[in-house]
Amino acid sequence: MSAYIVVRMKVTDPEQYKRYAARTPDCVASFGGRFIARGGETVTLEGPEFSDRMVIIEFPSLERAKEFYNSPEYTEIRALRAHAGVGEFIAVDGAD
């Protein structure tokens, strides 16, 4: 069953965040993941206005999503984001 990592991110250092974002695609792909949405325009349809960065990544399974997030490769890349933004990463099973 597919699973997703949903990210809500408030970018505080755009230049540093670009360095982080440039390194993530290959790492995501190496765990069978693909970006569904990556920082495009958002429109709040209900609830408090959302104007930060939204990312959705699809993985083949929840296990693969967790393996990606906890991998040594992503841990190294994640360090680039440490002072570039504040956010939430949530993994969720898909509805297939």
N, C-alpha and C. Protein backbone atom coordinates (compact mmCIF):
# COMPACT_ATOMS: atom_id res chain seq x y z
N MET A 1 0.85 -1.18 0.00
CA MET A 1 0.00 0.00 0.00
C MET A 1 0.89 1.24 0.00
N SER A 2 0.59 2.19 -0.84
CA SER A 2 1.34 3.45 -0.89
C SER A 2 1.22 4.18 0.44
N ALA A 3 2.22 4.99 0.72
CA ALA A 3 2.22 5.84 1.91
C ALA A 3 2.78 7.19 1.51
N TYR A 4 2.54 8.17 2.34
CA TYR A 4 2.93 9.54 2.02
C TYR A 4 3.61 10.20 3.21
N ILE A 5 4.60 11.01 2.91
CA ILE A 5 5.13 11.94 3.90
C ILE A 5 4.59 13.30 3.51
N VAL A 6 3.90 13.94 4.46
CA VAL A 6 3.32 15.26 4.25
C VAL A 6 4.13 16.23 5.10
N VAL A 7 4.61 17.29 4.47
CA VAL A 7 5.47 18.25 5.15
C VAL A 7 4.83 19.64 5.10
N ARG A 8 4.77 20.26 6.26
CA ARG A 8 4.40 21.68 6.36
C ARG A 8 5.63 22.37 6.89
N MET A 9 6.15 23.33 6.13
CA MET A 9 7.44 23.92 6.47
C MET A 9 7.39 25.44 6.39
N LYS A 10 7.84 26.09 7.44
CA LYS A 10 8.05 27.54 7.43
C LYS A 10 9.53 27.75 7.20
N VAL A 11 9.88 28.22 6.02
CA VAL A 11 11.28 28.44 5.66
C VAL A 11 11.75 29.75 6.28
N THR A 12 12.85 29.68 7.04
CA THR A 12 13.38 30.87 7.70
C THR A 12 14.68 31.37 7.07
N ASP A 13 15.34 30.50 6.30
CA ASP A 13 16.58 30.86 5.60
C ASP A 13 16.50 30.28 4.19
N PRO A 14 15.93 31.04 3.24
CA PRO A 14 15.70 30.51 1.89
C PRO A 14 16.96 30.01 1.18
N GLU A 15 18.08 30.67 1.35
CA GLU A 15 19.31 30.23 0.67
C GLU A 15 19.78 28.89 1.21
N GLN A 16 19.78 28.72 2.51
CA GLN A 16 20.18 27.44 3.09
C GLN A 16 19.17 26.35 2.73
N TYR A 17 17.88 26.69 2.72
CA TYR A 17 16.85 25.71 2.39
C TYR A 17 17.02 25.23 0.95
N LYS A 18 17.44 26.09 0.05
CA LYS A 18 17.70 25.68 -1.34
C LYS A 18 18.78 24.62 -1.40
N ARG A 19 19.81 24.74 -0.57
CA ARG A 19 20.87 23.73 -0.54
C ARG A 19 20.31 22.37 -0.09
N TYR A 20 19.45 22.41 0.92
CA TYR A 20 18.78 21.19 1.39
C TYR A 20 17.89 20.61 0.29
N ALA A 21 17.06 21.44 -0.30
CA ALA A 21 16.10 20.98 -1.32
C ALA A 21 16.78 20.40 -2.55
N ALA A 22 17.96 20.90 -2.87
CA ALA A 22 18.68 20.39 -4.04
C ALA A 22 19.18 18.96 -3.83
N ARG A 23 19.37 18.56 -2.58
CA ARG A 23 19.92 17.24 -2.29
C ARG A 23 18.85 16.17 -2.06
N THR A 24 17.60 16.56 -1.85
CA THR A 24 16.58 15.58 -1.47
C THR A 24 16.06 14.70 -2.61
N PRO A 25 15.93 15.16 -3.86
CA PRO A 25 15.31 14.31 -4.88
C PRO A 25 15.99 12.96 -5.09
N ASP A 26 17.30 12.93 -5.19
CA ASP A 26 17.99 11.66 -5.40
C ASP A 26 17.82 10.72 -4.21
N CYS A 27 17.85 11.27 -3.02
CA CYS A 27 17.67 10.46 -1.82
C CYS A 27 16.25 9.89 -1.77
N VAL A 28 15.25 10.71 -2.02
CA VAL A 28 13.86 10.25 -2.06
C VAL A 28 13.72 9.12 -3.07
N ALA A 29 14.24 9.31 -4.27
CA ALA A 29 14.14 8.32 -5.34
C ALA A 29 14.82 7.00 -4.96
N SER A 30 15.91 7.08 -4.22
CA SER A 30 16.63 5.86 -3.86
C SER A 30 15.82 4.97 -2.91
N PHE A 31 14.78 5.51 -2.30
CA PHE A 31 13.89 4.72 -1.45
C PHE A 31 12.55 4.45 -2.14
N GLY A 32 12.51 4.66 -3.45
CA GLY A 32 11.29 4.39 -4.22
C GLY A 32 10.26 5.50 -4.12
N GLY A 33 10.68 6.66 -3.62
CA GLY A 33 9.74 7.76 -3.45
C GLY A 33 9.68 8.70 -4.64
N ARG A 34 8.61 9.47 -4.69
CA ARG A 34 8.48 10.51 -5.72
C ARG A 34 7.67 11.66 -5.14
N PHE A 35 8.04 12.85 -5.58
CA PHE A 35 7.34 14.04 -5.12
C PHE A 35 6.00 14.16 -5.82
N ILE A 36 4.95 14.35 -5.05
CA ILE A 36 3.61 14.61 -5.58
C ILE A 36 3.39 16.12 -5.63
N ALA A 37 3.79 16.82 -4.59
CA ALA A 37 3.74 18.28 -4.53
C ALA A 37 5.01 18.73 -3.84
N ARG A 38 5.54 19.84 -4.33
CA ARG A 38 6.82 20.31 -3.76
C ARG A 38 6.88 21.83 -3.80
N GLY A 39 6.21 22.46 -2.83
CA GLY A 39 6.33 23.90 -2.67
C GLY A 39 5.58 24.74 -3.68
N GLY A 40 4.58 24.18 -4.36
CA GLY A 40 3.80 24.96 -5.31
C GLY A 40 2.82 25.89 -4.61
N GLU A 41 2.02 26.55 -5.39
CA GLU A 41 1.01 27.46 -4.86
C GLU A 41 0.02 26.68 -4.00
N THR A 42 -0.35 27.25 -2.86
CA THR A 42 -1.38 26.66 -2.00
C THR A 42 -2.56 27.60 -1.90
N VAL A 43 -3.73 27.02 -1.72
CA VAL A 43 -4.96 27.78 -1.53
C VAL A 43 -5.66 27.18 -0.31
N THR A 44 -5.91 27.98 0.70
CA THR A 44 -6.62 27.51 1.88
C THR A 44 -8.10 27.46 1.56
N LEU A 45 -8.69 26.27 1.65
CA LEU A 45 -10.10 26.11 1.36
C LEU A 45 -10.95 26.15 2.63
N GLU A 46 -10.33 25.81 3.75
CA GLU A 46 -11.04 25.83 5.03
C GLU A 46 -10.01 25.90 6.15
N GLY A 47 -10.34 26.56 7.22
CA GLY A 47 -9.44 26.65 8.36
C GLY A 47 -8.52 27.86 8.27
N PRO A 48 -7.55 27.93 9.18
CA PRO A 48 -6.63 29.08 9.20
C PRO A 48 -5.83 29.17 7.91
N GLU A 49 -5.55 30.37 7.48
CA GLU A 49 -4.79 30.60 6.25
C GLU A 49 -3.42 29.91 6.33
N PHE A 50 -3.07 29.17 5.30
CA PHE A 50 -1.78 28.49 5.22
C PHE A 50 -0.97 29.14 4.11
N SER A 51 0.21 29.65 4.45
CA SER A 51 1.03 30.32 3.43
C SER A 51 2.47 29.83 3.43
N ASP A 52 2.74 28.73 4.13
CA ASP A 52 4.09 28.20 4.19
C ASP A 52 4.31 27.20 3.05
N ARG A 53 5.36 26.42 3.15
CA ARG A 53 5.71 25.44 2.11
C ARG A 53 5.04 24.10 2.42
N MET A 54 4.46 23.48 1.40
CA MET A 54 3.82 22.17 1.53
C MET A 54 4.52 21.21 0.59
N VAL A 55 4.88 20.03 1.10
CA VAL A 55 5.51 18.99 0.29
C VAL A 55 4.79 17.68 0.57
N ILE A 56 4.51 16.91 -0.49
CA ILE A 56 3.92 15.59 -0.35
C ILE A 56 4.78 14.62 -1.16
N ILE A 57 5.25 13.56 -0.49
CA ILE A 57 6.11 12.58 -1.13
C ILE A 57 5.42 11.22 -1.02
N GLU A 58 5.32 10.51 -2.14
CA GLU A 58 4.72 9.18 -2.16
C GLU A 58 5.82 8.12 -2.09
N PHE A 59 5.59 7.10 -1.27
CA PHE A 59 6.49 5.95 -1.16
C PHE A 59 5.69 4.67 -1.38
N PRO A 60 6.37 3.58 -1.72
CA PRO A 60 5.65 2.32 -1.95
C PRO A 60 4.97 1.77 -0.70
N SER A 61 5.46 2.14 0.48
CA SER A 61 4.88 1.64 1.73
C SER A 61 5.27 2.58 2.88
N LEU A 62 4.57 2.44 3.99
CA LEU A 62 4.89 3.23 5.17
C LEU A 62 6.29 2.85 5.67
N GLU A 63 6.63 1.59 5.56
CA GLU A 63 7.95 1.13 5.98
C GLU A 63 9.06 1.83 5.19
N ARG A 64 8.88 1.94 3.87
CA ARG A 64 9.88 2.62 3.04
C ARG A 64 9.97 4.10 3.39
N ALA A 65 8.84 4.74 3.68
CA ALA A 65 8.84 6.15 4.08
C ALA A 65 9.66 6.33 5.35
N LYS A 66 9.46 5.44 6.33
CA LYS A 66 10.20 5.53 7.58
C LYS A 66 11.69 5.23 7.36
N GLU A 67 11.98 4.25 6.49
CA GLU A 67 13.38 3.94 6.18
C GLU A 67 14.07 5.15 5.56
N PHE A 68 13.38 5.83 4.65
CA PHE A 68 13.94 7.04 4.05
C PHE A 68 14.24 8.07 5.13
N TYR A 69 13.25 8.40 5.94
CA TYR A 69 13.40 9.48 6.92
C TYR A 69 14.52 9.19 7.92
N ASN A 70 14.66 7.95 8.31
CA ASN A 70 15.65 7.56 9.32
C ASN A 70 16.98 7.11 8.74
N SER A 71 17.13 7.14 7.43
CA SER A 71 18.36 6.65 6.79
C SER A 71 19.55 7.56 7.09
N PRO A 72 20.75 6.99 7.09
CA PRO A 72 21.95 7.82 7.25
C PRO A 72 22.07 8.87 6.14
N GLU A 73 21.65 8.50 4.92
CA GLU A 73 21.74 9.44 3.80
C GLU A 73 20.87 10.67 4.04
N TYR A 74 19.62 10.45 4.44
CA TYR A 74 18.73 11.60 4.66
C TYR A 74 19.09 12.34 5.95
N THR A 75 19.57 11.63 6.95
CA THR A 75 20.00 12.29 8.18
C THR A 75 21.08 13.32 7.88
N GLU A 76 22.01 12.97 6.99
CA GLU A 76 23.06 13.91 6.59
C GLU A 76 22.47 15.12 5.86
N ILE A 77 21.54 14.87 4.95
CA ILE A 77 20.90 15.95 4.19
C ILE A 77 20.04 16.81 5.12
N ARG A 78 19.34 16.16 6.02
CA ARG A 78 18.44 16.87 6.96
C ARG A 78 19.21 17.90 7.79
N ALA A 79 20.46 17.63 8.06
CA ALA A 79 21.28 18.58 8.83
C ALA A 79 21.37 19.93 8.12
N LEU A 80 21.27 19.93 6.78
CA LEU A 80 21.29 21.20 6.03
C LEU A 80 20.06 22.05 6.32
N ARG A 81 18.98 21.40 6.73
CA ARG A 81 17.71 22.09 6.99
C ARG A 81 17.59 22.55 8.43
N ALA A 82 18.49 22.12 9.29
CA ALA A 82 18.38 22.34 10.74
C ALA A 82 18.10 23.79 11.11
N HIS A 83 18.73 24.73 10.45
CA HIS A 83 18.53 26.14 10.79
C HIS A 83 17.90 26.92 9.64
N ALA A 84 17.30 26.20 8.70
CA ALA A 84 16.72 26.84 7.53
C ALA A 84 15.20 26.86 7.55
N GLY A 85 14.59 26.16 8.50
CA GLY A 85 13.14 26.13 8.55
C GLY A 85 12.64 25.35 9.75
N VAL A 86 11.36 25.54 10.04
CA VAL A 86 10.69 24.84 11.13
C VAL A 86 9.43 24.22 10.55
N GLY A 87 9.22 22.94 10.81
CA GLY A 87 8.05 22.33 10.22
C GLY A 87 7.66 21.02 10.85
N GLU A 88 6.76 20.34 10.17
CA GLU A 88 6.23 19.05 10.60
C GLU A 88 6.38 18.07 9.45
N PHE A 89 6.81 16.85 9.76
CA PHE A 89 6.86 15.75 8.80
C PHE A 89 5.94 14.67 9.34
N ILE A 90 4.94 14.29 8.58
CA ILE A 90 3.96 13.29 9.02
C ILE A 90 3.90 12.21 7.96
N ALA A 91 4.05 10.94 8.38
CA ALA A 91 3.92 9.82 7.46
C ALA A 91 2.53 9.20 7.66
N VAL A 92 1.88 8.87 6.54
CA VAL A 92 0.53 8.32 6.61
C VAL A 92 0.34 7.27 5.53
N ASP A 93 -0.35 6.18 5.87
CA ASP A 93 -0.71 5.18 4.88
C ASP A 93 -1.68 5.75 3.86
N GLY A 94 -1.55 5.32 2.63
CA GLY A 94 -2.49 5.72 1.59
C GLY A 94 -3.80 4.96 1.71
N ALA A 95 -4.73 5.29 0.86
CA ALA A 95 -6.06 4.68 0.92
C ALA A 95 -6.27 3.61 -0.14
N ASP A 96 -5.17 3.08 -0.75
CA ASP A 96 -5.39 2.10 -1.80
C ASP A 96 -6.05 0.87 -1.24
